[in-house]
PDB file of N, CA and C in Angstrom:
ATOM      1  N   UNK A   1     -26.786 154.490 -21.013  1.00  0.00           N
ATOM      2  CA  UNK A   1     -27.296 152.964 -21.516  1.00  0.00           C
ATOM      3  C   UNK A   1     -28.185 152.477 -20.337  1.00  0.00           C
ATOM      4  N   UNK A   2     -29.373 152.090 -20.421  1.00  0.00           N
ATOM      5  CA  UNK A   2     -30.252 151.859 -19.437  1.00  0.00           C
ATOM      6  C   UNK A   2     -30.964 150.693 -19.683  1.00  0.00           C
ATOM      7  N   UNK A   3     -30.631 149.914 -20.891  1.00  0.00           N
ATOM      8  CA  UNK A   3     -31.171 148.731 -21.112  1.00  0.00           C
ATOM      9  C   UNK A   3     -30.486 147.670 -21.556  1.00  0.00           C
ATOM     10  N   UNK A   4     -30.340 146.351 -21.239  1.00  0.00           N
ATOM     11  CA  UNK A   4     -29.517 145.396 -21.486  1.00  0.00           C
ATOM     12  C   UNK A   4     -30.506 144.367 -21.774  1.00  0.00           C
ATOM     13  N   UNK A   5     -30.522 143.614 -23.319  1.00  0.00           N
ATOM     14  CA  UNK A   5     -31.062 142.477 -23.368  1.00  0.00           C
ATOM     15  C   UNK A   5     -30.282 141.242 -23.663  1.00  0.00           C
ATOM     16  N   UNK A   6     -30.736 140.110 -23.090  1.00  0.00           N
ATOM     17  CA  UNK A   6     -29.986 138.929 -23.206  1.00  0.00           C
ATOM     18  C   UNK A   6     -30.753 137.825 -24.149  1.00  0.00           C
ATOM     19  N   UNK A   7     -30.132 137.525 -25.330  1.00  0.00           N
ATOM     20  CA  UNK A   7     -30.925 136.211 -25.886  1.00  0.00           C
ATOM     21  C   UNK A   7     -30.612 135.195 -25.124  1.00  0.00           C
ATOM     22  N   UNK A   8     -31.972 134.155 -24.833  1.00  0.00           N
ATOM     23  CA  UNK A   8     -32.032 133.418 -24.007  1.00  0.00           C
ATOM     24  C   UNK A   8     -32.274 132.008 -24.786  1.00  0.00           C
ATOM     25  N   UNK A   9     -32.370 130.775 -24.447  1.00  0.00           N
ATOM     26  CA  UNK A   9     -32.955 129.714 -25.097  1.00  0.00           C
ATOM     27  C   UNK A   9     -33.975 129.152 -24.296  1.00  0.00           C
ATOM     28  N   UNK A  10     -33.795 129.078 -23.045  1.00  0.00           N
ATOM     29  CA  UNK A  10     -34.654 128.315 -22.038  1.00  0.00           C
ATOM     30  C   UNK A  10     -35.279 129.771 -21.216  1.00  0.00           C
ATOM     31  N   UNK A  11     -36.388 130.325 -21.519  1.00  0.00           N
ATOM     32  CA  UNK A  11     -36.804 131.572 -20.766  1.00  0.00           C
ATOM     33  C   UNK A  11     -37.074 130.984 -19.520  1.00  0.00           C
ATOM     34  N   UNK A  12     -37.693 129.972 -19.013  1.00  0.00           N
ATOM     35  CA  UNK A  12     -37.991 129.697 -17.655  1.00  0.00           C
ATOM     36  C   UNK A  12     -36.696 129.423 -16.772  1.00  0.00           C
ATOM     37  N   UNK A  13     -35.863 128.775 -17.351  1.00  0.00           N
ATOM     38  CA  UNK A  13     -34.285 128.514 -16.761  1.00  0.00           C
ATOM     39  C   UNK A  13     -33.662 130.006 -16.326  1.00  0.00           C
ATOM     40  N   UNK A  14     -33.738 130.693 -17.631  1.00  0.00           N
ATOM     41  CA  UNK A  14     -32.917 132.035 -17.665  1.00  0.00           C
ATOM     42  C   UNK A  14     -33.682 133.072 -16.409  1.00  0.00           C
ATOM     43  N   UNK A  15     -35.188 132.926 -16.365  1.00  0.00           N
ATOM     44  CA  UNK A  15     -35.745 133.691 -15.440  1.00  0.00           C
ATOM     45  C   UNK A  15     -35.401 133.312 -14.182  1.00  0.00           C
ATOM     46  N   UNK A  16     -35.360 132.198 -13.933  1.00  0.00           N
ATOM     47  CA  UNK A  16     -34.919 131.618 -12.348  1.00  0.00           C
ATOM     48  C   UNK A  16     -33.529 132.047 -12.207  1.00  0.00           C
ATOM     49  N   UNK A  17     -32.564 131.962 -13.070  1.00  0.00           N
ATOM     50  CA  UNK A  17     -31.182 132.096 -12.818  1.00  0.00           C
ATOM     51  C   UNK A  17     -30.882 133.782 -12.571  1.00  0.00           C
ATOM     52  N   UNK A  18     -31.574 134.710 -13.367  1.00  0.00           N
ATOM     53  CA  UNK A  18     -31.441 135.982 -13.465  1.00  0.00           C
ATOM     54  C   UNK A  18     -32.470 136.440 -12.272  1.00  0.00           C
ATOM     55  N   UNK A  19     -33.346 135.743 -11.846  1.00  0.00           N
ATOM     56  CA  UNK A  19     -34.055 136.310 -10.555  1.00  0.00           C
ATOM     57  C   UNK A  19     -33.167 135.974  -9.409  1.00  0.00           C
ATOM     58  N   UNK A  20     -32.365 135.055  -9.284  1.00  0.00           N
ATOM     59  CA  UNK A  20     -31.552 134.696  -8.323  1.00  0.00           C
ATOM     60  C   UNK A  20     -30.523 135.463  -8.287  1.00  0.00           C
ATOM     61  N   UNK A  21     -29.939 135.746  -9.325  1.00  0.00           N
ATOM     62  CA  UNK A  21     -28.859 136.506  -9.249  1.00  0.00           C
ATOM     63  C   UNK A  21     -29.400 138.091  -8.623  1.00  0.00           C
ATOM     64  N   UNK A  22     -30.186 138.637  -9.190  1.00  0.00           N
ATOM     65  CA  UNK A  22     -30.721 140.011  -8.896  1.00  0.00           C
ATOM     66  C   UNK A  22     -31.484 140.022  -7.698  1.00  0.00           C
ATOM     67  N   UNK A  23     -32.058 138.885  -7.139  1.00  0.00           N
ATOM     68  CA  UNK A  23     -32.683 139.074  -5.806  1.00  0.00           C
ATOM     69  C   UNK A  23     -34.101 139.822  -6.083  1.00  0.00           C
ATOM     70  N   UNK A  24     -34.589 139.846  -7.178  1.00  0.00           N
ATOM     71  CA  UNK A  24     -35.938 140.629  -7.327  1.00  0.00           C
ATOM     72  C   UNK A  24     -36.749 139.648  -8.330  1.00  0.00           C
ATOM     73  N   UNK A  25     -38.103 139.766  -8.378  1.00  0.00           N
ATOM     74  CA  UNK A  25     -39.123 139.391  -9.168  1.00  0.00           C
ATOM     75  C   UNK A  25     -39.119 140.119 -10.330  1.00  0.00           C
ATOM     76  N   UNK A  26     -39.196 139.597 -11.752  1.00  0.00           N
ATOM     77  CA  UNK A  26     -39.527 140.282 -12.745  1.00  0.00           C
ATOM     78  C   UNK A  26     -40.600 141.252 -12.811  1.00  0.00           C
ATOM     79  N   UNK A  27     -40.385 142.408 -13.534  1.00  0.00           N
ATOM     80  CA  UNK A  27     -41.241 143.272 -13.614  1.00  0.00           C
ATOM     81  C   UNK A  27     -42.197 143.298 -14.886  1.00  0.00           C
ATOM     82  N   UNK A  28     -41.779 142.348 -15.774  1.00  0.00           N
ATOM     83  CA  UNK A  28     -42.461 141.888 -16.904  1.00  0.00           C
ATOM     84  C   UNK A  28     -42.204 140.588 -17.265  1.00  0.00           C
ATOM     85  N   UNK A  29     -43.331 139.671 -17.249  1.00  0.00           N
ATOM     86  CA  UNK A  29     -43.162 138.300 -17.190  1.00  0.00           C
ATOM     87  C   UNK A  29     -44.262 137.649 -18.420  1.00  0.00           C
ATOM     88  N   UNK A  30     -43.556 137.627 -19.641  1.00  0.00           N
ATOM     89  CA  UNK A  30     -44.541 137.200 -20.864  1.00  0.00           C
ATOM     90  C   UNK A  30     -43.858 136.086 -21.399  1.00  0.00           C
ATOM     91  N   UNK A  31     -44.469 135.261 -22.072  1.00  0.00           N
ATOM     92  CA  UNK A  31     -43.911 134.074 -22.823  1.00  0.00           C
ATOM     93  C   UNK A  31     -42.807 134.462 -23.865  1.00  0.00           C
ATOM     94  N   UNK A  32     -42.725 135.840 -24.225  1.00  0.00           N
ATOM     95  CA  UNK A  32     -41.819 136.496 -25.329  1.00  0.00           C
ATOM     96  C   UNK A  32     -40.939 137.369 -24.831  1.00  0.00           C
ATOM     97  N   UNK A  33     -40.932 137.425 -23.418  1.00  0.00           N
ATOM     98  CA  UNK A  33     -39.999 138.473 -22.922  1.00  0.00           C
ATOM     99  C   UNK A  33     -39.969 138.532 -21.398  1.00  0.00           C
ATOM    100  N   UNK A  34     -39.207 138.538 -20.520  1.00  0.00           N
ATOM    101  CA  UNK A  34     -39.061 138.736 -19.145  1.00  0.00           C
ATOM    102  C   UNK A  34     -38.207 139.815 -18.895  1.00  0.00           C
ATOM    103  N   UNK A  35     -38.492 140.834 -17.908  1.00  0.00           N
ATOM    104  CA  UNK A  35     -37.786 141.967 -17.928  1.00  0.00           C
ATOM    105  C   UNK A  35     -37.696 142.384 -16.215  1.00  0.00           C
ATOM    106  N   UNK A  36     -36.441 142.754 -15.830  1.00  0.00           N
ATOM    107  CA  UNK A  36     -36.087 142.981 -14.350  1.00  0.00           C
ATOM    108  C   UNK A  36     -35.796 144.431 -14.405  1.00  0.00           C
ATOM    109  N   UNK A  37     -36.040 145.140 -13.236  1.00  0.00           N
ATOM    110  CA  UNK A  37     -35.558 146.602 -12.969  1.00  0.00           C
ATOM    111  C   UNK A  37     -34.487 146.445 -11.822  1.00  0.00           C
ATOM    112  N   UNK A  38     -33.327 146.612 -12.326  1.00  0.00           N
ATOM    113  CA  UNK A  38     -32.255 146.367 -11.236  1.00  0.00           C
ATOM    114  C   UNK A  38     -31.369 147.825 -11.093  1.00  0.00           C
ATOM    115  N   UNK A  39     -31.475 148.433  -9.991  1.00  0.00           N
ATOM    116  CA  UNK A  39     -30.510 149.335  -9.819  1.00  0.00           C
ATOM    117  C   UNK A  39     -30.683 150.536 -11.088  1.00  0.00           C
ATOM    118  N   UNK A  40     -32.001 150.971 -11.470  1.00  0.00           N
ATOM    119  CA  UNK A  40     -31.951 151.842 -12.529  1.00  0.00           C
ATOM    120  C   UNK A  40     -31.841 151.355 -14.001  1.00  0.00           C
ATOM    121  N   UNK A  41     -31.548 149.871 -14.027  1.00  0.00           N
ATOM    122  CA  UNK A  41     -31.340 149.488 -15.474  1.00  0.00           C
ATOM    123  C   UNK A  41     -32.285 148.393 -15.798  1.00  0.00           C
ATOM    124  N   UNK A  42     -32.944 148.421 -16.994  1.00  0.00           N
ATOM    125  CA  UNK A  42     -33.672 147.501 -17.226  1.00  0.00           C
ATOM    126  C   UNK A  42     -32.972 146.094 -18.054  1.00  0.00           C
ATOM    127  N   UNK A  43     -33.279 145.000 -17.491  1.00  0.00           N
ATOM    128  CA  UNK A  43     -32.395 143.778 -17.952  1.00  0.00           C
ATOM    129  C   UNK A  43     -33.586 142.991 -18.540  1.00  0.00           C
ATOM    130  N   UNK A  44     -33.390 142.618 -19.762  1.00  0.00           N
ATOM    131  CA  UNK A  44     -34.415 142.032 -20.521  1.00  0.00           C
ATOM    132  C   UNK A  44     -33.814 140.543 -21.230  1.00  0.00           C
ATOM    133  N   UNK A  45     -34.889 139.357 -20.956  1.00  0.00           N
ATOM    134  CA  UNK A  45     -34.408 138.296 -21.455  1.00  0.00           C
ATOM    135  C   UNK A  45     -35.405 137.802 -22.583  1.00  0.00           C
ATOM    136  N   UNK A  46     -34.755 137.550 -24.031  1.00  0.00           N
ATOM    137  CA  UNK A  46     -35.553 137.458 -25.135  1.00  0.00           C
ATOM    138  C   UNK A  46     -35.372 136.114 -25.633  1.00  0.00           C
ATOM    139  N   UNK A  47     -36.458 135.332 -25.459  1.00  0.00           N
ATOM    140  CA  UNK A  47     -36.217 133.973 -25.999  1.00  0.00           C
ATOM    141  C   UNK A  47     -36.103 133.809 -27.700  1.00  0.00           C
ATOM    142  N   UNK A  48     -36.441 135.126 -28.402  1.00  0.00           N
ATOM    143  CA  UNK A  48     -36.406 134.872 -29.894  1.00  0.00           C
ATOM    144  C   UNK A  48     -35.158 135.757 -30.428  1.00  0.00           C
ATOM    145  N   UNK A  49     -34.130 136.207 -29.249  1.00  0.00           N
ATOM    146  CA  UNK A  49     -33.198 136.845 -29.520  1.00  0.00           C
ATOM    147  C   UNK A  49     -32.049 135.982 -30.540  1.00  0.00           C
ATOM    148  N   UNK A  50     -31.812 134.828 -30.104  1.00  0.00           N
ATOM    149  CA  UNK A  50     -31.003 134.000 -30.983  1.00  0.00           C
ATOM    150  C   UNK A  50     -31.523 133.840 -32.592  1.00  0.00           C
ATOM    151  N   UNK A  51     -32.704 133.445 -32.612  1.00  0.00           N
ATOM    152  CA  UNK A  51     -33.302 133.579 -33.804  1.00  0.00           C
ATOM    153  C   UNK A  51     -33.334 134.705 -34.629  1.00  0.00           C
ATOM    154  N   UNK A  52     -33.351 135.960 -33.967  1.00  0.00           N
ATOM    155  CA  UNK A  52     -33.221 137.366 -34.858  1.00  0.00           C
ATOM    156  C   UNK A  52     -31.635 137.811 -34.906  1.00  0.00           C
ATOM    157  N   UNK A  53     -30.827 136.796 -34.738  1.00  0.00           N
ATOM    158  CA  UNK A  53     -29.276 137.165 -34.872  1.00  0.00           C
ATOM    159  C   UNK A  53     -28.530 137.464 -33.524  1.00  0.00           C
ATOM    160  N   UNK A  54     -29.223 137.891 -32.450  1.00  0.00           N
ATOM    161  CA  UNK A  54     -28.457 138.124 -31.318  1.00  0.00           C
ATOM    162  C   UNK A  54     -27.517 137.165 -30.965  1.00  0.00           C
ATOM    163  N   UNK A  55     -25.977 137.544 -30.937  1.00  0.00           N
ATOM    164  CA  UNK A  55     -25.148 136.532 -30.503  1.00  0.00           C
ATOM    165  C   UNK A  55     -24.537 136.687 -28.979  1.00  0.00           C
ATOM    166  N   UNK A  56     -25.095 137.889 -28.376  1.00  0.00           N
ATOM    167  CA  UNK A  56     -24.767 137.788 -26.755  1.00  0.00           C
ATOM    168  C   UNK A  56     -25.684 139.210 -26.452  1.00  0.00           C
ATOM    169  N   UNK A  57     -25.241 139.660 -25.126  1.00  0.00           N
ATOM    170  CA  UNK A  57     -25.965 140.535 -24.609  1.00  0.00           C
ATOM    171  C   UNK A  57     -25.923 142.014 -25.623  1.00  0.00           C
ATOM    172  N   UNK A  58     -27.116 142.639 -25.609  1.00  0.00           N
ATOM    173  CA  UNK A  58     -27.081 144.036 -26.306  1.00  0.00           C
ATOM    174  C   UNK A  58     -27.410 145.119 -25.506  1.00  0.00           C
ATOM    175  N   UNK A  59     -26.481 146.108 -25.351  1.00  0.00           N
ATOM    176  CA  UNK A  59     -26.939 147.352 -24.761  1.00  0.00           C
ATOM    177  C   UNK A  59     -27.938 148.430 -25.715  1.00  0.00           C
ATOM    178  N   UNK A  60     -28.793 148.994 -25.091  1.00  0.00           N
ATOM    179  CA  UNK A  60     -29.514 149.951 -25.787  1.00  0.00           C
ATOM    180  C   UNK A  60     -29.454 151.317 -24.930  1.00  0.00           C
ATOM    181  N   UNK A  61     -28.946 152.353 -25.926  1.00  0.00           N
ATOM    182  CA  UNK A  61     -29.047 153.610 -25.573  1.00  0.00           C
ATOM    183  C   UNK A  61     -30.368 154.444 -25.618  1.00  0.00           C
ATOM    184  N   UNK A  62     -30.756 154.862 -24.628  1.00  0.00           N
ATOM    185  CA  UNK A  62     -31.987 155.739 -24.445  1.00  0.00           C
ATOM    186  C   UNK A  62     -31.664 157.023 -25.234  1.00  0.00           C
ATOM    187  N   UNK A  63     -32.762 157.185 -26.326  1.00  0.00           N
ATOM    188  CA  UNK A  63     -32.634 158.334 -27.145  1.00  0.00           C
ATOM    189  C   UNK A  63     -34.087 158.981 -26.955  1.00  0.00           C
ATOM    190  N   UNK A  64     -34.178 160.316 -27.405  1.00  0.00           N
ATOM    191  CA  UNK A  64     -35.351 160.954 -27.389  1.00  0.00           C
ATOM    192  C   UNK A  64     -36.183 160.734 -28.682  1.00  0.00           C
ATOM    193  N   UNK A  65     -35.443 160.460 -29.672  1.00  0.00           N
ATOM    194  CA  UNK A  65     -36.299 160.389 -31.110  1.00  0.00           C
ATOM    195  C   UNK A  65     -35.445 159.257 -31.873  1.00  0.00           C
ATOM    196  N   UNK A  66     -36.021 157.819 -31.689  1.00  0.00           N
ATOM    197  CA  UNK A  66     -35.297 156.787 -32.093  1.00  0.00           C
ATOM    198  C   UNK A  66     -35.269 156.958 -33.631  1.00  0.00           C
ATOM    199  N   UNK A  67     -36.154 157.304 -34.295  1.00  0.00           N
ATOM    200  CA  UNK A  67     -36.140 157.414 -35.856  1.00  0.00           C
ATOM    201  C   UNK A  67     -35.239 158.483 -36.297  1.00  0.00           C
ATOM    202  N   UNK A  68     -35.027 159.410 -35.808  1.00  0.00           N
ATOM    203  CA  UNK A  68     -34.109 160.658 -36.041  1.00  0.00           C
ATOM    204  C   UNK A  68     -32.719 159.976 -35.834  1.00  0.00           C
ATOM    205  N   UNK A  69     -32.537 159.429 -34.691  1.00  0.00           N
ATOM    206  CA  UNK A  69     -31.437 159.030 -34.199  1.00  0.00           C
ATOM    207  C   UNK A  69     -30.974 157.846 -35.203  1.00  0.00           C
ATOM    208  N   UNK A  70     -31.704 157.129 -35.762  1.00  0.00           N
ATOM    209  CA  UNK A  70     -31.245 156.040 -36.628  1.00  0.00           C
ATOM    210  C   UNK A  70     -31.019 156.860 -37.788  1.00  0.00           C
ATOM    211  N   UNK A  71     -31.653 157.805 -38.422  1.00  0.00           N
ATOM    212  CA  UNK A  71     -31.132 158.439 -39.788  1.00  0.00           C
ATOM    213  C   UNK A  71     -29.969 159.179 -39.581  1.00  0.00           C
ATOM    214  N   UNK A  72     -29.578 159.925 -38.533  1.00  0.00           N
ATOM    215  CA  UNK A  72     -28.650 160.454 -38.209  1.00  0.00           C
ATOM    216  C   UNK A  72     -27.306 159.283 -38.048  1.00  0.00           C
ATOM    217  N   UNK A  73     -27.488 158.350 -37.565  1.00  0.00           N
ATOM    218  CA  UNK A  73     -26.387 157.180 -37.680  1.00  0.00           C
ATOM    219  C   UNK A  73     -26.020 156.619 -38.862  1.00  0.00           C
ATOM    220  N   UNK A  74     -27.316 156.460 -39.818  1.00  0.00           N
ATOM    221  CA  UNK A  74     -26.846 155.830 -40.916  1.00  0.00           C
ATOM    222  C   UNK A  74     -26.448 156.836 -42.013  1.00  0.00           C
ATOM    223  N   UNK A  75     -26.629 158.271 -41.973  1.00  0.00           N
ATOM    224  CA  UNK A  75     -25.838 159.379 -42.395  1.00  0.00           C
ATOM    225  C   UNK A  75     -24.439 159.238 -42.153  1.00  0.00           C
ATOM    226  N   UNK A  76     -24.164 158.856 -41.023  1.00  0.00           N
ATOM    227  CA  UNK A  76     -22.693 158.770 -40.570  1.00  0.00           C
ATOM    228  C   UNK A  76     -22.126 157.600 -40.997  1.00  0.00           C
ATOM    229  N   UNK A  77     -22.552 156.444 -41.487  1.00  0.00           N
ATOM    230  CA  UNK A  77     -22.067 155.500 -42.129  1.00  0.00           C
ATOM    231  C   UNK A  77     -22.593 153.956 -41.244  1.00  0.00           C
ATOM    232  N   UNK A  78     -23.471 154.310 -40.460  1.00  0.00           N
ATOM    233  CA  UNK A  78     -24.019 152.993 -39.900  1.00  0.00           C
ATOM    234  C   UNK A  78     -25.276 152.123 -40.939  1.00  0.00           C
ATOM    235  N   UNK A  79     -25.472 150.881 -40.463  1.00  0.00           N
ATOM    236  CA  UNK A  79     -26.516 150.401 -41.440  1.00  0.00           C
ATOM    237  C   UNK A  79     -27.428 149.739 -40.395  1.00  0.00           C
ATOM    238  N   UNK A  80     -28.763 149.964 -40.894  1.00  0.00           N
ATOM    239  CA  UNK A  80     -29.730 149.527 -40.060  1.00  0.00           C
ATOM    240  C   UNK A  80     -29.876 147.728 -40.003  1.00  0.00           C
ATOM    241  N   UNK A  81     -29.842 147.409 -38.689  1.00  0.00           N
ATOM    242  CA  UNK A  81     -30.013 145.868 -38.631  1.00  0.00           C
ATOM    243  C   UNK A  81     -31.404 145.602 -38.280  1.00  0.00           C
ATOM    244  N   UNK A  82     -32.003 146.518 -37.510  1.00  0.00           N
ATOM    245  CA  UNK A  82     -33.447 146.353 -37.167  1.00  0.00           C
ATOM    246  C   UNK A  82     -34.253 147.600 -37.030  1.00  0.00           C
ATOM    247  N   UNK A  83     -35.269 147.833 -38.100  1.00  0.00           N
ATOM    248  CA  UNK A  83     -35.851 148.973 -38.100  1.00  0.00           C
ATOM    249  C   UNK A  83     -36.629 149.162 -36.851  1.00  0.00           C
ATOM    250  N   UNK A  84     -37.068 150.492 -36.867  1.00  0.00           N
ATOM    251  CA  UNK A  84     -37.722 150.969 -35.510  1.00  0.00           C
ATOM    252  C   UNK A  84     -39.006 150.095 -35.451  1.00  0.00           C
ATOM    253  N   UNK A  85     -39.192 149.535 -34.202  1.00  0.00           N
ATOM    254  CA  UNK A  85     -40.419 148.707 -34.035  1.00  0.00           C
ATOM    255  C   UNK A  85     -41.052 149.146 -32.528  1.00  0.00           C
ATOM    256  N   UNK A  86     -42.282 148.857 -32.424  1.00  0.00           N
ATOM    257  CA  UNK A  86     -43.074 149.014 -30.984  1.00  0.00           C
ATOM    258  C   UNK A  86     -43.043 147.885 -30.607  1.00  0.00           C
ATOM    259  N   UNK A  87     -42.334 147.754 -29.295  1.00  0.00           N
ATOM    260  CA  UNK A  87     -42.231 146.467 -28.416  1.00  0.00           C
ATOM    261  C   UNK A  87     -43.283 146.440 -27.543  1.00  0.00           C
ATOM    262  N   UNK A  88     -44.338 147.259 -27.406  1.00  0.00           N
ATOM    263  CA  UNK A  88     -45.382 147.138 -26.318  1.00  0.00           C
ATOM    264  C   UNK A  88     -45.375 148.702 -25.736  1.00  0.00           C
ATOM    265  N   UNK A  89     -46.590 149.143 -25.456  1.00  0.00           N
ATOM    266  CA  UNK A  89     -46.790 150.224 -24.692  1.00  0.00           C
ATOM    267  C   UNK A  89     -46.103 151.730 -25.450  1.00  0.00           C
ATOM    268  N   UNK A  90     -46.011 151.552 -26.720  1.00  0.00           N
ATOM    269  CA  UNK A  90     -45.337 152.821 -27.209  1.00  0.00           C
ATOM    270  C   UNK A  90     -43.723 152.835 -26.931  1.00  0.00           C
ATOM    271  N   UNK A  91     -43.179 151.819 -26.344  1.00  0.00           N
ATOM    272  CA  UNK A  91     -41.612 151.791 -26.328  1.00  0.00           C
ATOM    273  C   UNK A  91     -41.114 151.344 -27.755  1.00  0.00           C
ATOM    274  N   UNK A  92     -40.271 151.923 -28.250  1.00  0.00           N
ATOM    275  CA  UNK A  92     -39.667 151.953 -29.458  1.00  0.00           C
ATOM    276  C   UNK A  92     -38.256 151.302 -29.426  1.00  0.00           C
ATOM    277  N   UNK A  93     -37.868 150.177 -30.299  1.00  0.00           N
ATOM    278  CA  UNK A  93     -36.540 149.943 -30.465  1.00  0.00           C
ATOM    279  C   UNK A  93     -35.873 149.760 -31.837  1.00  0.00           C
ATOM    280  N   UNK A  94     -34.616 149.885 -32.042  1.00  0.00           N
ATOM    281  CA  UNK A  94     -33.995 149.895 -33.157  1.00  0.00           C
ATOM    282  C   UNK A  94     -32.727 149.556 -33.088  1.00  0.00           C
ATOM    283  N   UNK A  95     -31.752 148.787 -33.902  1.00  0.00           N
ATOM    284  CA  UNK A  95     -30.478 148.512 -34.160  1.00  0.00           C
ATOM    285  C   UNK A  95     -29.769 149.033 -35.231  1.00  0.00           C
ATOM    286  N   UNK A  96     -28.743 149.418 -35.124  1.00  0.00           N
ATOM    287  CA  UNK A  96     -27.783 149.728 -36.217  1.00  0.00           C
ATOM    288  C   UNK A  96     -26.625 149.090 -35.988  1.00  0.00           C
ATOM    289  N   UNK A  97     -25.576 148.917 -36.996  1.00  0.00           N
ATOM    290  CA  UNK A  97     -24.541 148.207 -36.958  1.00  0.00           C
ATOM    291  C   UNK A  97     -23.438 149.255 -37.573  1.00  0.00           C
ATOM    292  N   UNK A  98     -22.254 149.611 -36.938  1.00  0.00           N
ATOM    293  CA  UNK A  98     -21.224 150.815 -36.910  1.00  0.00           C
ATOM    294  C   UNK A  98     -20.453 149.749 -38.248  1.00  0.00           C
ATOM    295  N   UNK A  99     -19.456 150.637 -38.670  1.00  0.00           N
ATOM    296  CA  UNK A  99     -18.727 150.034 -39.805  1.00  0.00           C
ATOM    297  C   UNK A  99     -17.751 149.080 -39.665  1.00  0.00           C
ATOM    298  N   UNK A 100     -17.522 148.757 -38.178  1.00  0.00           N
ATOM    299  CA  UNK A 100     -16.804 147.548 -37.692  1.00  0.00           C
ATOM    300  C   UNK A 100     -17.509 146.481 -37.437  1.00  0.00           C
ATOM    301  N   UNK A 101     -18.646 146.517 -37.626  1.00  0.00           N
ATOM    302  CA  UNK A 101     -19.808 145.444 -37.230  1.00  0.00           C
ATOM    303  C   UNK A 101     -20.428 145.291 -35.837  1.00  0.00           C
ATOM    304  N   UNK A 102     -19.991 146.442 -35.006  1.00  0.00           N
ATOM    305  CA  UNK A 102     -20.473 146.693 -33.707  1.00  0.00           C
ATOM    306  C   UNK A 102     -22.239 146.988 -33.625  1.00  0.00           C
ATOM    307  N   UNK A 103     -22.780 146.313 -32.950  1.00  0.00           N
ATOM    308  CA  UNK A 103     -24.486 146.615 -33.015  1.00  0.00           C
ATOM    309  C   UNK A 103     -24.585 147.774 -31.899  1.00  0.00           C
ATOM    310  N   UNK A 104     -25.301 148.575 -32.342  1.00  0.00           N
ATOM    311  CA  UNK A 104     -25.669 149.748 -31.430  1.00  0.00           C
ATOM    312  C   UNK A 104     -27.078 149.626 -31.039  1.00  0.00           C
ATOM    313  N   UNK A 105     -27.560 149.473 -29.924  1.00  0.00           N
ATOM    314  CA  UNK A 105     -29.081 149.492 -29.897  1.00  0.00           C
ATOM    315  C   UNK A 105     -29.693 150.747 -29.233  1.00  0.00           C
ATOM    316  N   UNK A 106     -30.823 151.111 -29.789  1.00  0.00           N
ATOM    317  CA  UNK A 106     -31.436 152.355 -29.450  1.00  0.00           C
ATOM    318  C   UNK A 106     -32.856 152.112 -28.969  1.00  0.00           C
ATOM    319  N   UNK A 107     -33.339 152.714 -27.917  1.00  0.00           N
ATOM    320  CA  UNK A 107     -34.435 152.689 -27.311  1.00  0.00           C
ATOM    321  C   UNK A 107     -35.106 154.034 -27.156  1.00  0.00           C
ATOM    322  N   UNK A 108     -36.629 154.209 -27.257  1.00  0.00           N
ATOM    323  CA  UNK A 108     -37.099 155.396 -27.143  1.00  0.00           C
ATOM    324  C   UNK A 108     -38.161 155.146 -26.211  1.00  0.00           C
ATOM    325  N   UNK A 109     -38.119 155.729 -24.942  1.00  0.00           N
ATOM    326  CA  UNK A 109     -39.128 155.175 -23.893  1.00  0.00           C
ATOM    327  C   UNK A 109     -40.443 155.904 -24.403  1.00  0.00           C
ATOM    328  N   UNK A 110     -41.539 154.868 -23.905  1.00  0.00           N
ATOM    329  CA  UNK A 110     -42.961 155.597 -24.253  1.00  0.00           C
ATOM    330  C   UNK A 110     -43.203 156.760 -23.602  1.00  0.00           C
TER     331      UNK A 110
END
């Protein structure tokens, strides 16, 4: 797992807080997403996360083929909660939920 996304309500405040905590400037700074790279991990702040159903931080597992991984997990009993989408630059994200309601994030790097 190399990516963790936090849903935030106030992106400016969250950017200041996490920037102070990590001691680094954001590597991505947009009105729809702020990202930090910290010790090999990408930390993202998503101001639309709560609106899309996120209730807390979500870890994303790096996979070679996100569409194939989603299909494999669905065949094993998972349900798709967010279909594969390009979040910019060819980076693909998806989420599935296991039978116990746990959300699994998947990311295919560009």
